[in-house]
Amino acid sequence: MKFIAAASIGIVALMASVGAQAGTGAYMQTGKLTSQPIGHYEFCKRETAECNIVSRDTRALSLNNSNWQHIQAVNLSANERIKPMTDMEIYGVQEYWAYPTTVGDCEDYVLLKQRELAKAGIPMTDLLITVVRKPDGEGHAVLTVRTDRGDFVLDNLTDEVLRWDETDYTYLKRQAANNTGRWVTIESQDNLLVGAVK
């Protein structure tokens, strides 16, 4: 009887690890609808067209050499053109999302990159503002580009475009792929492991 119980626990643990591995890798696993960041909410009140894009087609961008080079160029160009400053330094408030011209914080870089890539023809539903936690615990925002080769991150802290699972961030939430005004959770490996055991 003890052998059967031990074997059952081993099988459950193996199934849990398979579930966790399936949740990691090239693509973020998103969960349920969640709260919209207050900065994005306020931004959407000013820029309503940016936040009302709804699509039934949730296929990811087909990545090719041309659009990959453009993604890299936009990331580098924005990182070089915009000087990093906090919202408090720029606007005198804790949180204010806006398109930057010369200075901005992480969300502003994201908005600029999102707009420039959308103008180049990449669907807004593949250009998703994403909230992360840095290794030091500080909140941060990056732009996730959904592609058929994985989810890639454009970040003002590095000029290199990396696949999301190659970064040191903890991913919390992002815009929904089917509605730019909605946000969804990003499932962590720990959440998937617990879910697989239940």
N, C-alpha and C. Protein backbone atom coordinates (compact mmCIF):
# COMPACT_ATOMS: atom_id res chain seq x y z
N MET A 1 0.83 -1.19 0.00
CA MET A 1 0.00 0.00 0.00
C MET A 1 0.87 1.25 0.00
N LYS A 2 1.96 1.22 0.83
CA LYS A 2 2.87 2.37 0.88
C LYS A 2 3.53 2.58 -0.48
N PHE A 3 3.85 1.46 -1.15
CA PHE A 3 4.47 1.56 -2.48
C PHE A 3 3.52 2.24 -3.47
N ILE A 4 2.25 1.88 -3.43
CA ILE A 4 1.26 2.48 -4.34
C ILE A 4 1.11 3.96 -4.05
N ALA A 5 1.06 4.32 -2.77
CA ALA A 5 0.94 5.74 -2.40
C ALA A 5 2.17 6.51 -2.87
N ALA A 6 3.36 5.94 -2.68
CA ALA A 6 4.59 6.61 -3.12
C ALA A 6 4.62 6.74 -4.63
N ALA A 7 4.20 5.69 -5.33
CA ALA A 7 4.17 5.73 -6.79
C ALA A 7 3.18 6.78 -7.28
N SER A 8 2.03 6.87 -6.61
CA SER A 8 1.02 7.88 -6.99
C SER A 8 1.56 9.28 -6.82
N ILE A 9 2.25 9.52 -5.71
CA ILE A 9 2.85 10.84 -5.47
C ILE A 9 3.89 11.13 -6.55
N GLY A 10 4.69 10.13 -6.91
CA GLY A 10 5.69 10.32 -7.96
C GLY A 10 5.07 10.67 -9.30
N ILE A 11 3.98 10.02 -9.64
CA ILE A 11 3.29 10.30 -10.91
C ILE A 11 2.72 11.71 -10.90
N VAL A 12 2.11 12.11 -9.78
CA VAL A 12 1.56 13.47 -9.67
C VAL A 12 2.69 14.49 -9.81
N ALA A 13 3.83 14.24 -9.16
CA ALA A 13 4.97 15.16 -9.25
C ALA A 13 5.48 15.24 -10.69
N LEU A 14 5.56 14.10 -11.37
CA LEU A 14 6.00 14.09 -12.76
C LEU A 14 5.03 14.86 -13.64
N MET A 15 3.74 14.66 -13.44
CA MET A 15 2.74 15.39 -14.22
C MET A 15 2.85 16.89 -13.94
N ALA A 16 3.10 17.25 -12.70
CA ALA A 16 3.23 18.66 -12.34
C ALA A 16 4.42 19.28 -13.04
N SER A 17 5.53 18.54 -13.09
CA SER A 17 6.71 19.11 -13.74
C SER A 17 6.50 19.25 -15.23
N VAL A 18 5.79 18.31 -15.84
CA VAL A 18 5.48 18.42 -17.27
C VAL A 18 4.61 19.64 -17.52
N GLY A 19 3.61 19.88 -16.66
CA GLY A 19 2.76 21.06 -16.79
C GLY A 19 3.55 22.34 -16.66
N ALA A 20 4.48 22.40 -15.71
CA ALA A 20 5.29 23.60 -15.52
C ALA A 20 6.19 23.84 -16.73
N GLN A 21 6.77 22.76 -17.28
CA GLN A 21 7.62 22.93 -18.45
C GLN A 21 6.82 23.40 -19.65
N ALA A 22 5.61 22.93 -19.78
CA ALA A 22 4.78 23.36 -20.90
C ALA A 22 4.43 24.83 -20.78
N GLY A 23 4.39 25.33 -19.56
CA GLY A 23 4.06 26.73 -19.34
C GLY A 23 5.24 27.66 -19.51
N THR A 24 6.43 27.11 -19.58
CA THR A 24 7.61 27.94 -19.78
C THR A 24 8.04 27.80 -21.23
N GLY A 25 9.05 28.53 -21.61
CA GLY A 25 9.54 28.43 -22.97
C GLY A 25 9.21 29.65 -23.79
N ALA A 26 8.99 29.44 -25.05
CA ALA A 26 8.90 30.54 -26.00
C ALA A 26 7.70 31.46 -25.81
N TYR A 27 6.61 30.95 -25.28
CA TYR A 27 5.37 31.73 -25.21
C TYR A 27 4.91 31.92 -23.77
N MET A 28 4.49 33.14 -23.46
CA MET A 28 3.89 33.41 -22.15
C MET A 28 2.55 32.69 -22.07
N GLN A 29 2.26 32.14 -20.92
CA GLN A 29 0.95 31.55 -20.67
C GLN A 29 0.13 32.57 -19.91
N THR A 30 -0.93 33.06 -20.52
CA THR A 30 -1.74 34.07 -19.87
C THR A 30 -2.92 33.42 -19.16
N GLY A 31 -3.43 34.15 -18.17
CA GLY A 31 -4.53 33.64 -17.37
C GLY A 31 -5.77 34.49 -17.52
N LYS A 32 -6.36 34.80 -16.39
CA LYS A 32 -7.65 35.49 -16.37
C LYS A 32 -7.48 37.00 -16.52
N LEU A 33 -8.60 37.66 -16.77
CA LEU A 33 -8.61 39.12 -16.81
C LEU A 33 -8.18 39.66 -15.46
N THR A 34 -7.46 40.78 -15.48
CA THR A 34 -6.99 41.40 -14.25
C THR A 34 -7.10 42.92 -14.37
N SER A 35 -6.69 43.60 -13.34
CA SER A 35 -6.81 45.06 -13.31
C SER A 35 -5.85 45.72 -14.29
N GLN A 36 -6.30 46.79 -14.84
CA GLN A 36 -5.51 47.63 -15.74
C GLN A 36 -4.64 48.55 -14.87
N PRO A 37 -3.36 48.70 -15.17
CA PRO A 37 -2.55 49.65 -14.39
C PRO A 37 -3.16 51.05 -14.44
N ILE A 38 -3.10 51.77 -13.34
CA ILE A 38 -3.72 53.09 -13.26
C ILE A 38 -3.16 54.03 -14.33
N GLY A 39 -1.86 53.94 -14.59
CA GLY A 39 -1.26 54.78 -15.62
C GLY A 39 -1.84 54.50 -16.99
N HIS A 40 -2.11 53.24 -17.29
CA HIS A 40 -2.70 52.87 -18.57
C HIS A 40 -4.16 53.32 -18.62
N TYR A 41 -4.86 53.19 -17.52
CA TYR A 41 -6.25 53.65 -17.44
C TYR A 41 -6.34 55.14 -17.77
N GLU A 42 -5.49 55.93 -17.14
CA GLU A 42 -5.48 57.38 -17.38
C GLU A 42 -5.06 57.69 -18.82
N PHE A 43 -4.07 56.96 -19.33
CA PHE A 43 -3.63 57.12 -20.72
C PHE A 43 -4.80 56.84 -21.67
N CYS A 44 -5.56 55.80 -21.40
CA CYS A 44 -6.69 55.41 -22.26
C CYS A 44 -7.80 56.45 -22.26
N LYS A 45 -7.94 57.19 -21.18
CA LYS A 45 -8.93 58.27 -21.16
C LYS A 45 -8.52 59.39 -22.11
N ARG A 46 -7.22 59.59 -22.29
CA ARG A 46 -6.73 60.62 -23.20
C ARG A 46 -6.59 60.11 -24.63
N GLU A 47 -6.19 58.86 -24.79
CA GLU A 47 -5.89 58.26 -26.10
C GLU A 47 -6.85 57.09 -26.34
N THR A 48 -8.12 57.38 -26.48
CA THR A 48 -9.13 56.31 -26.53
C THR A 48 -8.94 55.35 -27.70
N ALA A 49 -8.48 55.84 -28.83
CA ALA A 49 -8.31 54.97 -30.00
C ALA A 49 -7.27 53.89 -29.76
N GLU A 50 -6.27 54.19 -28.95
CA GLU A 50 -5.20 53.22 -28.67
C GLU A 50 -5.70 52.05 -27.83
N CYS A 51 -6.78 52.26 -27.10
CA CYS A 51 -7.23 51.27 -26.11
C CYS A 51 -8.53 50.58 -26.49
N ASN A 52 -8.99 50.79 -27.71
CA ASN A 52 -10.25 50.18 -28.16
C ASN A 52 -10.05 49.25 -29.34
N ILE A 53 -8.85 48.74 -29.51
CA ILE A 53 -8.58 47.84 -30.63
C ILE A 53 -8.93 46.42 -30.20
N VAL A 54 -9.93 45.86 -30.86
CA VAL A 54 -10.42 44.53 -30.55
C VAL A 54 -10.22 43.67 -31.79
N SER A 55 -9.75 42.44 -31.60
CA SER A 55 -9.51 41.55 -32.73
C SER A 55 -9.92 40.13 -32.37
N ARG A 56 -10.57 39.47 -33.31
CA ARG A 56 -10.88 38.05 -33.14
C ARG A 56 -9.71 37.19 -33.63
N ASP A 57 -8.86 37.78 -34.42
CA ASP A 57 -7.70 37.07 -34.95
C ASP A 57 -6.55 37.22 -33.96
N THR A 58 -6.28 36.19 -33.20
CA THR A 58 -5.22 36.27 -32.19
C THR A 58 -3.97 35.49 -32.62
N ARG A 59 -3.86 35.23 -33.92
CA ARG A 59 -2.63 34.60 -34.41
C ARG A 59 -1.46 35.55 -34.20
N ALA A 60 -0.33 35.01 -33.82
CA ALA A 60 0.85 35.83 -33.58
C ALA A 60 1.49 36.26 -34.90
N LEU A 61 2.25 37.33 -34.83
CA LEU A 61 2.98 37.85 -35.97
C LEU A 61 3.89 36.78 -36.57
N SER A 62 3.87 36.66 -37.88
CA SER A 62 4.78 35.76 -38.57
C SER A 62 6.13 36.47 -38.69
N LEU A 63 7.09 35.99 -37.92
CA LEU A 63 8.39 36.65 -37.85
C LEU A 63 9.23 36.31 -39.07
N ASN A 64 9.77 37.33 -39.70
CA ASN A 64 10.69 37.13 -40.82
C ASN A 64 11.88 38.07 -40.64
N ASN A 65 12.86 37.96 -41.50
CA ASN A 65 14.08 38.76 -41.35
C ASN A 65 13.79 40.25 -41.38
N SER A 66 12.89 40.67 -42.25
CA SER A 66 12.58 42.09 -42.39
C SER A 66 11.95 42.67 -41.13
N ASN A 67 10.87 42.02 -40.63
CA ASN A 67 10.24 42.60 -39.44
C ASN A 67 11.10 42.42 -38.19
N TRP A 68 11.93 41.37 -38.14
CA TRP A 68 12.85 41.20 -37.01
C TRP A 68 13.87 42.34 -36.97
N GLN A 69 14.42 42.68 -38.12
CA GLN A 69 15.38 43.80 -38.17
C GLN A 69 14.70 45.10 -37.77
N HIS A 70 13.46 45.29 -38.19
CA HIS A 70 12.73 46.51 -37.84
C HIS A 70 12.45 46.56 -36.33
N ILE A 71 12.06 45.45 -35.75
CA ILE A 71 11.82 45.38 -34.30
C ILE A 71 13.09 45.77 -33.54
N GLN A 72 14.22 45.21 -33.96
CA GLN A 72 15.49 45.53 -33.30
C GLN A 72 15.85 47.00 -33.48
N ALA A 73 15.63 47.53 -34.67
CA ALA A 73 15.97 48.93 -34.95
C ALA A 73 15.12 49.89 -34.13
N VAL A 74 13.83 49.60 -33.99
CA VAL A 74 12.94 50.46 -33.20
C VAL A 74 13.36 50.44 -31.73
N ASN A 75 13.69 49.28 -31.22
CA ASN A 75 14.13 49.18 -29.82
C ASN A 75 15.38 50.02 -29.59
N LEU A 76 16.37 49.86 -30.45
CA LEU A 76 17.63 50.59 -30.32
C LEU A 76 17.43 52.08 -30.49
N SER A 77 16.67 52.47 -31.50
CA SER A 77 16.45 53.88 -31.78
C SER A 77 15.76 54.58 -30.61
N ALA A 78 14.70 53.99 -30.07
CA ALA A 78 13.99 54.60 -28.94
C ALA A 78 14.90 54.68 -27.72
N ASN A 79 15.66 53.63 -27.47
CA ASN A 79 16.57 53.64 -26.32
C ASN A 79 17.63 54.72 -26.44
N GLU A 80 18.06 55.01 -27.66
CA GLU A 80 19.08 56.04 -27.87
C GLU A 80 18.49 57.45 -27.84
N ARG A 81 17.27 57.62 -28.37
CA ARG A 81 16.67 58.95 -28.49
C ARG A 81 16.10 59.50 -27.18
N ILE A 82 15.57 58.62 -26.35
CA ILE A 82 14.86 59.06 -25.15
C ILE A 82 15.78 58.94 -23.94
N LYS A 83 15.86 60.03 -23.18
CA LYS A 83 16.66 60.03 -21.95
C LYS A 83 15.76 59.55 -20.81
N PRO A 84 16.25 58.60 -19.99
CA PRO A 84 15.40 58.10 -18.90
C PRO A 84 15.22 59.13 -17.78
N MET A 85 13.96 59.36 -17.42
CA MET A 85 13.59 60.21 -16.29
C MET A 85 12.30 59.67 -15.69
N THR A 86 12.11 59.87 -14.41
CA THR A 86 10.89 59.39 -13.76
C THR A 86 9.73 60.34 -14.03
N ASP A 87 8.53 59.84 -13.84
CA ASP A 87 7.34 60.68 -13.99
C ASP A 87 7.36 61.83 -12.98
N MET A 88 7.89 61.57 -11.80
CA MET A 88 7.98 62.63 -10.79
C MET A 88 8.89 63.75 -11.28
N GLU A 89 10.00 63.39 -11.91
CA GLU A 89 10.92 64.41 -12.45
C GLU A 89 10.30 65.16 -13.62
N ILE A 90 9.55 64.46 -14.45
CA ILE A 90 8.99 65.08 -15.66
C ILE A 90 7.70 65.83 -15.37
N TYR A 91 6.76 65.16 -14.70
CA TYR A 91 5.40 65.70 -14.53
C TYR A 91 5.05 66.09 -13.10
N GLY A 92 5.89 65.69 -12.15
CA GLY A 92 5.59 65.99 -10.75
C GLY A 92 4.54 65.08 -10.14
N VAL A 93 4.30 63.92 -10.78
CA VAL A 93 3.36 62.93 -10.25
C VAL A 93 4.01 61.55 -10.30
N GLN A 94 3.46 60.62 -9.50
CA GLN A 94 4.04 59.28 -9.42
C GLN A 94 3.91 58.49 -10.72
N GLU A 95 2.76 58.61 -11.37
CA GLU A 95 2.49 57.77 -12.55
C GLU A 95 1.77 58.57 -13.62
N TYR A 96 2.39 58.66 -14.80
CA TYR A 96 1.77 59.35 -15.93
C TYR A 96 2.35 58.75 -17.20
N TRP A 97 1.51 58.03 -17.95
CA TRP A 97 1.95 57.40 -19.18
C TRP A 97 1.69 58.34 -20.34
N ALA A 98 2.73 58.54 -21.17
CA ALA A 98 2.61 59.45 -22.32
C ALA A 98 3.64 59.08 -23.37
N TYR A 99 3.38 59.52 -24.61
CA TYR A 99 4.37 59.34 -25.67
C TYR A 99 5.51 60.31 -25.42
N PRO A 100 6.74 59.81 -25.32
CA PRO A 100 7.86 60.70 -25.05
C PRO A 100 8.39 61.37 -26.32
N THR A 101 9.01 62.52 -26.14
CA THR A 101 9.70 63.18 -27.25
C THR A 101 11.20 63.22 -27.00
N THR A 102 11.60 63.53 -25.77
CA THR A 102 13.03 63.56 -25.44
C THR A 102 13.35 62.81 -24.16
N VAL A 103 12.39 62.76 -23.21
CA VAL A 103 12.61 62.07 -21.93
C VAL A 103 11.39 61.21 -21.62
N GLY A 104 11.60 60.19 -20.77
CA GLY A 104 10.47 59.34 -20.38
C GLY A 104 10.90 58.25 -19.44
N ASP A 105 9.90 57.59 -18.84
CA ASP A 105 10.20 56.43 -18.01
C ASP A 105 9.84 55.16 -18.80
N CYS A 106 9.93 54.01 -18.15
CA CYS A 106 9.82 52.74 -18.88
C CYS A 106 8.51 52.62 -19.67
N GLU A 107 7.39 53.06 -19.08
CA GLU A 107 6.11 52.95 -19.81
C GLU A 107 6.10 53.83 -21.06
N ASP A 108 6.77 54.97 -20.97
CA ASP A 108 6.81 55.89 -22.11
C ASP A 108 7.62 55.29 -23.26
N TYR A 109 8.73 54.64 -22.94
CA TYR A 109 9.50 53.93 -23.97
C TYR A 109 8.61 52.88 -24.64
N VAL A 110 7.86 52.14 -23.83
CA VAL A 110 6.99 51.09 -24.35
C VAL A 110 5.95 51.67 -25.31
N LEU A 111 5.31 52.76 -24.90
CA LEU A 111 4.29 53.39 -25.75
C LEU A 111 4.88 53.84 -27.08
N LEU A 112 6.07 54.43 -27.04
CA LEU A 112 6.73 54.90 -28.26
C LEU A 112 7.05 53.72 -29.19
N LYS A 113 7.63 52.67 -28.64
CA LYS A 113 7.98 51.50 -29.46
C LYS A 113 6.73 50.84 -30.03
N GLN A 114 5.69 50.76 -29.23
CA GLN A 114 4.43 50.19 -29.69
C GLN A 114 3.87 50.99 -30.86
N ARG A 115 3.86 52.30 -30.72
CA ARG A 115 3.31 53.16 -31.79
C ARG A 115 4.15 53.04 -33.06
N GLU A 116 5.47 53.06 -32.93
CA GLU A 116 6.33 53.00 -34.13
C GLU A 116 6.21 51.66 -34.84
N LEU A 117 6.12 50.58 -34.09
CA LEU A 117 5.97 49.26 -34.73
C LEU A 117 4.59 49.10 -35.35
N ALA A 118 3.57 49.67 -34.72
CA ALA A 118 2.22 49.63 -35.30
C ALA A 118 2.18 50.41 -36.61
N LYS A 119 2.84 51.56 -36.65
CA LYS A 119 2.90 52.34 -37.90
C LYS A 119 3.60 51.57 -39.01
N ALA A 120 4.49 50.66 -38.63
CA ALA A 120 5.21 49.84 -39.62
C ALA A 120 4.39 48.63 -40.06
N GLY A 121 3.17 48.48 -39.51
CA GLY A 121 2.30 47.42 -39.97
C GLY A 121 2.15 46.22 -39.04
N ILE A 122 2.81 46.23 -37.90
CA ILE A 122 2.64 45.13 -36.95
C ILE A 122 1.34 45.38 -36.17
N PRO A 123 0.45 44.40 -36.11
CA PRO A 123 -0.82 44.60 -35.42
C PRO A 123 -0.63 44.96 -33.94
N MET A 124 -1.44 45.91 -33.45
CA MET A 124 -1.37 46.29 -32.04
C MET A 124 -1.64 45.10 -31.13
N THR A 125 -2.38 44.12 -31.61
CA THR A 125 -2.68 42.95 -30.79
C THR A 125 -1.47 42.02 -30.64
N ASP A 126 -0.38 42.33 -31.34
CA ASP A 126 0.89 41.61 -31.16
C ASP A 126 1.93 42.48 -30.44
N LEU A 127 1.54 43.68 -30.05
CA LEU A 127 2.44 44.64 -29.39
C LEU A 127 1.85 44.96 -28.03
N LEU A 128 2.22 44.20 -27.03
CA LEU A 128 1.51 44.22 -25.76
C LEU A 128 2.35 44.82 -24.63
N ILE A 129 1.81 45.86 -24.01
CA ILE A 129 2.45 46.45 -22.84
C ILE A 129 2.42 45.40 -21.74
N THR A 130 3.55 45.20 -21.08
CA THR A 130 3.70 44.13 -20.11
C THR A 130 4.33 44.67 -18.83
N VAL A 131 3.74 44.31 -17.70
CA VAL A 131 4.25 44.73 -16.39
C VAL A 131 5.05 43.58 -15.78
N VAL A 132 6.26 43.91 -15.34
CA VAL A 132 7.16 42.91 -14.77
C VAL A 132 7.71 43.41 -13.44
N ARG A 133 8.35 42.48 -12.73
CA ARG A 133 9.10 42.84 -11.53
C ARG A 133 10.56 42.52 -11.80
N LYS A 134 11.43 43.51 -11.57
CA LYS A 134 12.86 43.30 -11.75
C LYS A 134 13.40 42.46 -10.59
N PRO A 135 14.60 41.89 -10.75
CA PRO A 135 15.16 41.07 -9.67
C PRO A 135 15.27 41.80 -8.33
N ASP A 136 15.41 43.12 -8.35
CA ASP A 136 15.50 43.89 -7.10
C ASP A 136 14.12 44.19 -6.51
N GLY A 137 13.05 43.71 -7.16
CA GLY A 137 11.70 43.90 -6.65
C GLY A 137 10.98 45.12 -7.21
N GLU A 138 11.69 45.97 -7.93
CA GLU A 138 11.09 47.18 -8.49
C GLU A 138 10.20 46.84 -9.68
N GLY A 139 9.07 47.55 -9.80
CA GLY A 139 8.19 47.38 -10.95
C GLY A 139 8.80 47.98 -12.20
N HIS A 140 8.43 47.44 -13.34
CA HIS A 140 9.01 47.86 -14.62
C HIS A 140 8.01 47.51 -15.72
N ALA A 141 8.12 48.15 -16.87
CA ALA A 141 7.28 47.83 -18.02
C ALA A 141 8.15 47.58 -19.24
N VAL A 142 7.74 46.62 -20.04
CA VAL A 142 8.43 46.27 -21.29
C VAL A 142 7.36 46.08 -22.36
N LEU A 143 7.78 46.04 -23.60
CA LEU A 143 6.87 45.74 -24.70
C LEU A 143 7.09 44.30 -25.14
N THR A 144 6.03 43.51 -25.12
CA THR A 144 6.09 42.14 -25.62
C THR A 144 5.60 42.13 -27.06
N VAL A 145 6.41 41.54 -27.94
CA VAL A 145 6.00 41.33 -29.32
C VAL A 145 5.70 39.84 -29.47
N ARG A 146 4.43 39.53 -29.73
CA ARG A 146 4.01 38.14 -29.92
C ARG A 146 4.34 37.71 -31.34
N THR A 147 5.10 36.64 -31.49
CA THR A 147 5.43 36.13 -32.82
C THR A 147 5.22 34.62 -32.87
N ASP A 148 5.26 34.09 -34.07
CA ASP A 148 5.13 32.65 -34.23
C ASP A 148 6.39 31.91 -33.78
N ARG A 149 7.41 32.65 -33.38
CA ARG A 149 8.65 32.04 -32.87
C ARG A 149 8.85 32.32 -31.38
N GLY A 150 7.82 32.85 -30.75
CA GLY A 150 7.91 33.13 -29.32
C GLY A 150 7.58 34.57 -29.02
N ASP A 151 7.52 34.87 -27.73
CA ASP A 151 7.25 36.23 -27.26
C ASP A 151 8.57 36.92 -26.96
N PHE A 152 8.79 38.06 -27.61
CA PHE A 152 10.04 38.80 -27.47
C PHE A 152 9.80 40.11 -26.74
N VAL A 153 10.83 40.55 -26.02
CA VAL A 153 10.72 41.71 -25.14
C VAL A 153 11.61 42.85 -25.62
N LEU A 154 11.00 44.02 -25.76
CA LEU A 154 11.73 45.26 -26.03
C LEU A 154 11.77 46.03 -24.72
N ASP A 155 12.97 46.43 -24.32
CA ASP A 155 13.19 46.95 -22.98
C ASP A 155 14.11 48.17 -23.06
N ASN A 156 13.78 49.22 -22.32
CA ASN A 156 14.65 50.39 -22.33
C ASN A 156 15.93 50.17 -21.55
N LEU A 157 16.04 49.07 -20.80
CA LEU A 157 17.24 48.80 -20.02
C LEU A 157 18.28 47.99 -20.79
N THR A 158 17.92 47.52 -21.99
CA THR A 158 18.88 46.81 -22.82
C THR A 158 18.54 47.04 -24.29
N ASP A 159 19.57 47.11 -25.11
CA ASP A 159 19.36 47.29 -26.54
C ASP A 159 19.11 45.96 -27.25
N GLU A 160 19.33 44.87 -26.55
CA GLU A 160 19.14 43.54 -27.14
C GLU A 160 17.68 43.12 -26.98
N VAL A 161 17.08 42.65 -28.06
CA VAL A 161 15.72 42.11 -28.00
C VAL A 161 15.84 40.64 -27.63
N LEU A 162 15.23 40.29 -26.49
CA LEU A 162 15.35 38.93 -25.96
C LEU A 162 14.00 38.24 -25.94
N ARG A 163 14.04 36.90 -26.03
CA ARG A 163 12.82 36.16 -25.79
C ARG A 163 12.49 36.30 -24.31
N TRP A 164 11.22 36.38 -23.98
CA TRP A 164 10.80 36.70 -22.62
C TRP A 164 11.41 35.79 -21.56
N ASP A 165 11.59 34.50 -21.87
CA ASP A 165 12.12 33.57 -20.88
C ASP A 165 13.64 33.62 -20.77
N GLU A 166 14.26 34.53 -21.52
CA GLU A 166 15.71 34.74 -21.42
C GLU A 166 16.03 35.95 -20.54
N THR A 167 15.02 36.58 -19.97
CA THR A 167 15.22 37.74 -19.11
C THR A 167 15.18 37.29 -17.64
N ASP A 168 15.56 38.20 -16.76
CA ASP A 168 15.54 37.92 -15.32
C ASP A 168 14.28 38.44 -14.64
N TYR A 169 13.28 38.81 -15.40
CA TYR A 169 12.08 39.42 -14.84
C TYR A 169 11.06 38.38 -14.38
N THR A 170 10.22 38.80 -13.43
CA THR A 170 9.02 38.07 -13.08
C THR A 170 7.88 38.77 -13.80
N TYR A 171 7.18 38.03 -14.63
CA TYR A 171 6.11 38.61 -15.46
C TYR A 171 4.79 38.56 -14.71
N LEU A 172 4.13 39.72 -14.61
CA LEU A 172 2.91 39.85 -13.81
C LEU A 172 1.65 39.91 -14.65
N LYS A 173 1.59 40.84 -15.61
CA LYS A 173 0.40 40.98 -16.44
C LYS A 173 0.74 41.73 -17.72
N ARG A 174 -0.16 41.61 -18.70
CA ARG A 174 0.03 42.33 -19.96
C ARG A 174 -1.33 42.61 -20.58
N GLN A 175 -1.30 43.45 -21.62
CA GLN A 175 -2.52 43.68 -22.38
C GLN A 175 -2.99 42.36 -22.98
N ALA A 176 -4.29 42.23 -23.11
CA ALA A 176 -4.87 41.04 -23.74
C ALA A 176 -4.62 41.10 -25.24
N ALA A 177 -4.34 39.95 -25.84
CA ALA A 177 -4.06 39.90 -27.28
C ALA A 177 -5.28 40.22 -28.12
N ASN A 178 -6.47 40.09 -27.56
CA ASN A 178 -7.69 40.34 -28.34
C ASN A 178 -8.35 41.69 -28.03
N ASN A 179 -7.77 42.47 -27.09
CA ASN A 179 -8.38 43.74 -26.71
C ASN A 179 -7.34 44.61 -26.00
N THR A 180 -6.92 45.69 -26.65
CA THR A 180 -5.84 46.51 -26.09
C THR A 180 -6.25 47.28 -24.83
N GLY A 181 -7.53 47.30 -24.51
CA GLY A 181 -7.99 47.98 -23.30
C GLY A 181 -8.14 47.04 -22.11
N ARG A 182 -7.89 45.76 -22.31
CA ARG A 182 -8.01 44.78 -21.23
C ARG A 182 -6.64 44.19 -20.91
N TRP A 183 -6.53 43.69 -19.69
CA TRP A 183 -5.27 43.11 -19.21
C TRP A 183 -5.52 41.71 -18.68
N VAL A 184 -4.51 40.85 -18.83
CA VAL A 184 -4.58 39.47 -18.35
C VAL A 184 -3.35 39.16 -17.51
N THR A 185 -3.51 38.21 -16.60
CA THR A 185 -2.38 37.77 -15.79
C THR A 185 -1.44 36.94 -16.65
N ILE A 186 -0.20 36.87 -16.21
CA ILE A 186 0.77 35.98 -16.84
C ILE A 186 1.08 34.91 -15.81
N GLU A 187 0.85 33.67 -16.19
CA GLU A 187 1.02 32.56 -15.27
C GLU A 187 2.50 32.26 -15.08
N SER A 188 2.91 32.20 -13.83
CA SER A 188 4.30 31.86 -13.52
C SER A 188 4.44 30.35 -13.48
N GLN A 189 5.67 29.88 -13.49
CA GLN A 189 5.92 28.45 -13.40
C GLN A 189 5.35 27.92 -12.09
N ASP A 190 5.47 28.69 -11.00
CA ASP A 190 4.94 28.25 -9.71
C ASP A 190 3.43 28.07 -9.76
N ASN A 191 2.72 29.01 -10.40
CA ASN A 191 1.27 28.90 -10.51
C ASN A 191 0.87 27.68 -11.33
N LEU A 192 1.61 27.42 -12.39
CA LEU A 192 1.30 26.26 -13.24
C LEU A 192 1.55 24.97 -12.49
N LEU A 193 2.61 24.94 -11.67
CA LEU A 193 2.93 23.75 -10.90
C LEU A 193 1.82 23.44 -9.91
N VAL A 194 1.35 24.45 -9.19
CA VAL A 194 0.26 24.26 -8.24
C VAL A 194 -1.00 23.80 -8.97
N GLY A 195 -1.30 24.43 -10.11
CA GLY A 195 -2.48 24.06 -10.88
C GLY A 195 -2.43 22.63 -11.39
N ALA A 196 -1.24 22.15 -11.72
CA ALA A 196 -1.10 20.80 -12.25
C ALA A 196 -1.32 19.75 -11.16
N VAL A 197 -1.04 20.10 -9.90
CA VAL A 197 -1.18 19.16 -8.80
C VAL A 197 -2.63 19.08 -8.32
N LYS A 198 -3.39 20.18 -8.50
CA LYS A 198 -4.78 20.22 -8.01
C LYS A 198 -5.64 19.19 -8.69
